[in-house]
Amino acid sequence: MEKILEEETLLQIVGGVSLSGAIVNAFLSVGKFIFETGQKLGSSFRRISSNQLCPLQ
């Protein structure tokens, strides 16, 4: 049984927003990258300021 909707009814249909796994994974990956970059920069600044660098030979 096929029902054809009127134009007025079609204009009232509202779509929803859904978060897919790929979008959530992309946001988490970006957040993880920013966090790790901050950790590495902080560690580098701390080692430089306390003069605890590995000697180059």
PDB file of N, CA and C in Angstrom:
ATOM      1  N   MET A   1       0.846  -1.170   0.000  1.00  0.00           N
ATOM      2  CA  MET A   1       0.000   0.000   0.000  1.00  0.00           C
ATOM      3  C   MET A   1       0.891   1.232   0.000  1.00  0.00           C
ATOM      4  N   GLU A   2       0.778   2.027  -1.030  1.00  0.00           N
ATOM      5  CA  GLU A   2       1.625   3.189  -1.207  1.00  0.00           C
ATOM      6  C   GLU A   2       0.821   4.441  -0.906  1.00  0.00           C
ATOM      7  N   LYS A   3       1.371   5.291  -0.039  1.00  0.00           N
ATOM      8  CA  LYS A   3       0.674   6.518   0.328  1.00  0.00           C
ATOM      9  C   LYS A   3       1.470   7.703  -0.189  1.00  0.00           C
ATOM     10  N   ILE A   4       0.837   8.578  -0.933  1.00  0.00           N
ATOM     11  CA  ILE A   4       1.487   9.769  -1.469  1.00  0.00           C
ATOM     12  C   ILE A   4       1.165  10.932  -0.542  1.00  0.00           C
ATOM     13  N   LEU A   5       2.231  11.611  -0.078  1.00  0.00           N
ATOM     14  CA  LEU A   5       2.059  12.717   0.861  1.00  0.00           C
ATOM     15  C   LEU A   5       1.764  14.012   0.116  1.00  0.00           C
ATOM     16  N   GLU A   6       0.968  14.839   0.738  1.00  0.00           N
ATOM     17  CA  GLU A   6       0.653  16.163   0.188  1.00  0.00           C
ATOM     18  C   GLU A   6       1.870  17.074   0.346  1.00  0.00           C
ATOM     19  N   GLU A   7       1.934  18.137  -0.434  1.00  0.00           N
ATOM     20  CA  GLU A   7       3.062  19.062  -0.377  1.00  0.00           C
ATOM     21  C   GLU A   7       3.155  19.734   0.993  1.00  0.00           C
ATOM     22  N   GLU A   8       2.022  20.074   1.583  1.00  0.00           N
ATOM     23  CA  GLU A   8       2.031  20.706   2.907  1.00  0.00           C
ATOM     24  C   GLU A   8       2.604  19.763   3.960  1.00  0.00           C
ATOM     25  N   THR A   9       2.281  18.496   3.864  1.00  0.00           N
ATOM     26  CA  THR A   9       2.806  17.509   4.804  1.00  0.00           C
ATOM     27  C   THR A   9       4.309  17.346   4.625  1.00  0.00           C
ATOM     28  N   LEU A  10       4.780  17.366   3.389  1.00  0.00           N
ATOM     29  CA  LEU A  10       6.214  17.231   3.128  1.00  0.00           C
ATOM     30  C   LEU A  10       7.000  18.412   3.689  1.00  0.00           C
ATOM     31  N   LEU A  11       6.412  19.600   3.667  1.00  0.00           N
ATOM     32  CA  LEU A  11       7.093  20.785   4.199  1.00  0.00           C
ATOM     33  C   LEU A  11       7.204  20.752   5.716  1.00  0.00           C
ATOM     34  N   GLN A  12       6.383  19.966   6.390  1.00  0.00           N
ATOM     35  CA  GLN A  12       6.395  19.892   7.849  1.00  0.00           C
ATOM     36  C   GLN A  12       7.399  18.875   8.381  1.00  0.00           C
ATOM     37  N   ILE A  13       7.970  18.060   7.512  1.00  0.00           N
ATOM     38  CA  ILE A  13       8.923  17.036   7.949  1.00  0.00           C
ATOM     39  C   ILE A  13      10.233  17.708   8.334  1.00  0.00           C
ATOM     40  N   VAL A  14      10.723  17.396   9.516  1.00  0.00           N
ATOM     41  CA  VAL A  14      11.964  17.971  10.023  1.00  0.00           C
ATOM     42  C   VAL A  14      12.948  16.836  10.241  1.00  0.00           C
ATOM     43  N   GLY A  15      14.159  16.982   9.699  1.00  0.00           N
ATOM     44  CA  GLY A  15      15.192  15.961   9.863  1.00  0.00           C
ATOM     45  C   GLY A  15      15.914  16.108  11.191  1.00  0.00           C
ATOM     46  N   GLY A  16      16.547  15.066  11.602  1.00  0.00           N
ATOM     47  CA  GLY A  16      17.280  15.092  12.863  1.00  0.00           C
ATOM     48  C   GLY A  16      18.779  15.085  12.638  1.00  0.00           C
ATOM     49  N   VAL A  17      19.493  15.288  13.697  1.00  0.00           N
ATOM     50  CA  VAL A  17      20.952  15.272  13.654  1.00  0.00           C
ATOM     51  C   VAL A  17      21.417  14.003  14.348  1.00  0.00           C
ATOM     52  N   SER A  18      22.292  13.293  13.697  1.00  0.00           N
ATOM     53  CA  SER A  18      22.837  12.092  14.335  1.00  0.00           C
ATOM     54  C   SER A  18      24.353  12.127  14.253  1.00  0.00           C
ATOM     55  N   LEU A  19      24.985  11.700  15.297  1.00  0.00           N
ATOM     56  CA  LEU A  19      26.437  11.617  15.322  1.00  0.00           C
ATOM     57  C   LEU A  19      26.848  10.207  14.955  1.00  0.00           C
ATOM     58  N   SER A  20      27.598  10.098  13.900  1.00  0.00           N
ATOM     59  CA  SER A  20      28.055   8.779  13.517  1.00  0.00           C
ATOM     60  C   SER A  20      29.366   8.474  14.247  1.00  0.00           C
ATOM     61  N   GLY A  21      29.736   7.239  14.224  1.00  0.00           N
ATOM     62  CA  GLY A  21      30.968   6.825  14.886  1.00  0.00           C
ATOM     63  C   GLY A  21      32.193   7.470  14.277  1.00  0.00           C
ATOM     64  N   ALA A  22      32.166   7.700  12.976  1.00  0.00           N
ATOM     65  CA  ALA A  22      33.317   8.314  12.308  1.00  0.00           C
ATOM     66  C   ALA A  22      33.527   9.750  12.773  1.00  0.00           C
ATOM     67  N   ILE A  23      32.441  10.486  12.958  1.00  0.00           N
ATOM     68  CA  ILE A  23      32.555  11.877  13.404  1.00  0.00           C
ATOM     69  C   ILE A  23      33.076  11.932  14.836  1.00  0.00           C
ATOM     70  N   VAL A  24      32.553  11.092  15.697  1.00  0.00           N
ATOM     71  CA  VAL A  24      33.005  11.055  17.089  1.00  0.00           C
ATOM     72  C   VAL A  24      34.473  10.661  17.147  1.00  0.00           C
ATOM     73  N   ASN A  25      34.868   9.683  16.354  1.00  0.00           N
ATOM     74  CA  ASN A  25      36.258   9.240  16.325  1.00  0.00           C
ATOM     75  C   ASN A  25      37.179  10.355  15.828  1.00  0.00           C
ATOM     76  N   ALA A  26      36.743  11.127  14.843  1.00  0.00           N
ATOM     77  CA  ALA A  26      37.560  12.224  14.331  1.00  0.00           C
ATOM     78  C   ALA A  26      37.773  13.286  15.405  1.00  0.00           C
ATOM     79  N   PHE A  27      36.710  13.652  16.134  1.00  0.00           N
ATOM     80  CA  PHE A  27      36.856  14.642  17.205  1.00  0.00           C
ATOM     81  C   PHE A  27      37.768  14.132  18.312  1.00  0.00           C
ATOM     82  N   LEU A  28      37.635  12.872  18.659  1.00  0.00           N
ATOM     83  CA  LEU A  28      38.496  12.316  19.704  1.00  0.00           C
ATOM     84  C   LEU A  28      39.954  12.273  19.257  1.00  0.00           C
ATOM     85  N   SER A  29      40.179  11.958  17.987  1.00  0.00           N
ATOM     86  CA  SER A  29      41.545  11.927  17.468  1.00  0.00           C
ATOM     87  C   SER A  29      42.178  13.310  17.506  1.00  0.00           C
ATOM     88  N   VAL A  30      41.419  14.328  17.134  1.00  0.00           N
ATOM     89  CA  VAL A  30      41.939  15.702  17.178  1.00  0.00           C
ATOM     90  C   VAL A  30      42.227  16.100  18.622  1.00  0.00           C
ATOM     91  N   GLY A  31      41.335  15.775  19.531  1.00  0.00           N
ATOM     92  CA  GLY A  31      41.557  16.094  20.941  1.00  0.00           C
ATOM     93  C   GLY A  31      42.779  15.393  21.504  1.00  0.00           C
ATOM     94  N   LYS A  32      42.950  14.139  21.135  1.00  0.00           N
ATOM     95  CA  LYS A  32      44.115  13.378  21.598  1.00  0.00           C
ATOM     96  C   LYS A  32      45.404  13.977  21.039  1.00  0.00           C
ATOM     97  N   PHE A  33      45.375  14.385  19.770  1.00  0.00           N
ATOM     98  CA  PHE A  33      46.554  15.003  19.154  1.00  0.00           C
ATOM     99  C   PHE A  33      46.931  16.294  19.864  1.00  0.00           C
ATOM    100  N   ILE A  34      45.945  17.137  20.151  1.00  0.00           N
ATOM    101  CA  ILE A  34      46.214  18.405  20.843  1.00  0.00           C
ATOM    102  C   ILE A  34      46.761  18.150  22.242  1.00  0.00           C
ATOM    103  N   PHE A  35      46.199  17.183  22.955  1.00  0.00           N
ATOM    104  CA  PHE A  35      46.660  16.856  24.308  1.00  0.00           C
ATOM    105  C   PHE A  35      48.112  16.367  24.292  1.00  0.00           C
ATOM    106  N   GLU A  36      48.425  15.444  23.371  1.00  0.00           N
ATOM    107  CA  GLU A  36      49.782  14.902  23.303  1.00  0.00           C
ATOM    108  C   GLU A  36      50.792  15.967  22.890  1.00  0.00           C
ATOM    109  N   THR A  37      50.395  16.859  21.977  1.00  0.00           N
ATOM    110  CA  THR A  37      51.289  17.939  21.570  1.00  0.00           C
ATOM    111  C   THR A  37      51.581  18.854  22.754  1.00  0.00           C
ATOM    112  N   GLY A  38      50.579  19.157  23.548  1.00  0.00           N
ATOM    113  CA  GLY A  38      50.776  19.981  24.740  1.00  0.00           C
ATOM    114  C   GLY A  38      51.697  19.308  25.745  1.00  0.00           C
ATOM    115  N   GLN A  39      51.537  18.001  25.909  1.00  0.00           N
ATOM    116  CA  GLN A  39      52.423  17.270  26.829  1.00  0.00           C
ATOM    117  C   GLN A  39      53.867  17.338  26.358  1.00  0.00           C
ATOM    118  N   LYS A  40      54.093  17.122  25.073  1.00  0.00           N
ATOM    119  CA  LYS A  40      55.460  17.127  24.547  1.00  0.00           C
ATOM    120  C   LYS A  40      56.094  18.501  24.620  1.00  0.00           C
ATOM    121  N   LEU A  41      55.305  19.539  24.290  1.00  0.00           N
ATOM    122  CA  LEU A  41      55.844  20.898  24.388  1.00  0.00           C
ATOM    123  C   LEU A  41      56.154  21.261  25.839  1.00  0.00           C
ATOM    124  N   GLY A  42      55.271  20.907  26.752  1.00  0.00           N
ATOM    125  CA  GLY A  42      55.506  21.194  28.168  1.00  0.00           C
ATOM    126  C   GLY A  42      56.742  20.486  28.694  1.00  0.00           C
ATOM    127  N   SER A  43      56.902  19.243  28.289  1.00  0.00           N
ATOM    128  CA  SER A  43      58.082  18.488  28.712  1.00  0.00           C
ATOM    129  C   SER A  43      59.354  19.108  28.139  1.00  0.00           C
ATOM    130  N   SER A  44      59.294  19.537  26.889  1.00  0.00           N
ATOM    131  CA  SER A  44      60.477  20.168  26.274  1.00  0.00           C
ATOM    132  C   SER A  44      60.824  21.468  26.980  1.00  0.00           C
ATOM    133  N   PHE A  45      59.828  22.309  27.258  1.00  0.00           N
ATOM    134  CA  PHE A  45      60.092  23.571  27.959  1.00  0.00           C
ATOM    135  C   PHE A  45      60.686  23.316  29.339  1.00  0.00           C
ATOM    136  N   ARG A  46      60.158  22.306  30.042  1.00  0.00           N
ATOM    137  CA  ARG A  46      60.668  22.006  31.380  1.00  0.00           C
ATOM    138  C   ARG A  46      62.118  21.531  31.313  1.00  0.00           C
ATOM    139  N   ARG A  47      62.430  20.675  30.343  1.00  0.00           N
ATOM    140  CA  ARG A  47      63.807  20.163  30.239  1.00  0.00           C
ATOM    141  C   ARG A  47      64.781  21.256  29.830  1.00  0.00           C
ATOM    142  N   ILE A  48      64.336  22.171  28.954  1.00  0.00           N
ATOM    143  CA  ILE A  48      65.214  23.272  28.541  1.00  0.00           C
ATOM    144  C   ILE A  48      65.452  24.230  29.709  1.00  0.00           C
ATOM    145  N   SER A  49      64.391  24.554  30.438  1.00  0.00           N
ATOM    146  CA  SER A  49      64.535  25.519  31.539  1.00  0.00           C
ATOM    147  C   SER A  49      65.348  24.953  32.699  1.00  0.00           C
ATOM    148  N   SER A  50      65.306  23.641  32.914  1.00  0.00           N
ATOM    149  CA  SER A  50      66.079  23.056  34.007  1.00  0.00           C
ATOM    150  C   SER A  50      67.432  22.531  33.534  1.00  0.00           C
ATOM    151  N   ASN A  51      67.774  22.790  32.277  1.00  0.00           N
ATOM    152  CA  ASN A  51      69.064  22.410  31.695  1.00  0.00           C
ATOM    153  C   ASN A  51      69.331  20.910  31.820  1.00  0.00           C
ATOM    154  N   GLN A  52      68.325  20.099  31.531  1.00  0.00           N
ATOM    155  CA  GLN A  52      68.469  18.652  31.581  1.00  0.00           C
ATOM    156  C   GLN A  52      68.351  18.054  30.179  1.00  0.00           C
ATOM    157  N   LEU A  53      69.161  18.563  29.270  1.00  0.00           N
ATOM    158  CA  LEU A  53      69.129  18.092  27.893  1.00  0.00           C
ATOM    159  C   LEU A  53      70.149  16.981  27.702  1.00  0.00           C
ATOM    160  N   CYS A  54      69.868  16.100  26.772  1.00  0.00           N
ATOM    161  CA  CYS A  54      70.803  15.036  26.445  1.00  0.00           C
ATOM    162  C   CYS A  54      71.965  15.644  25.649  1.00  0.00           C
ATOM    163  N   PRO A  55      73.198  15.306  25.985  1.00  0.00           N
ATOM    164  CA  PRO A  55      74.337  15.884  25.276  1.00  0.00           C
ATOM    165  C   PRO A  55      74.436  15.302  23.854  1.00  0.00           C
ATOM    166  N   LEU A  56      74.785  16.162  22.909  1.00  0.00           N
ATOM    167  CA  LEU A  56      74.992  15.716  21.535  1.00  0.00           C
ATOM    168  C   LEU A  56      76.460  15.382  21.369  1.00  0.00           C
ATOM    169  N   GLN A  57      76.757  14.262  20.740  1.00  0.00           N
ATOM    170  CA  GLN A  57      78.159  13.856  20.596  1.00  0.00           C
ATOM    171  C   GLN A  57      78.582  13.859  19.172  1.00  0.00           C
TER     172      GLN A  57
END
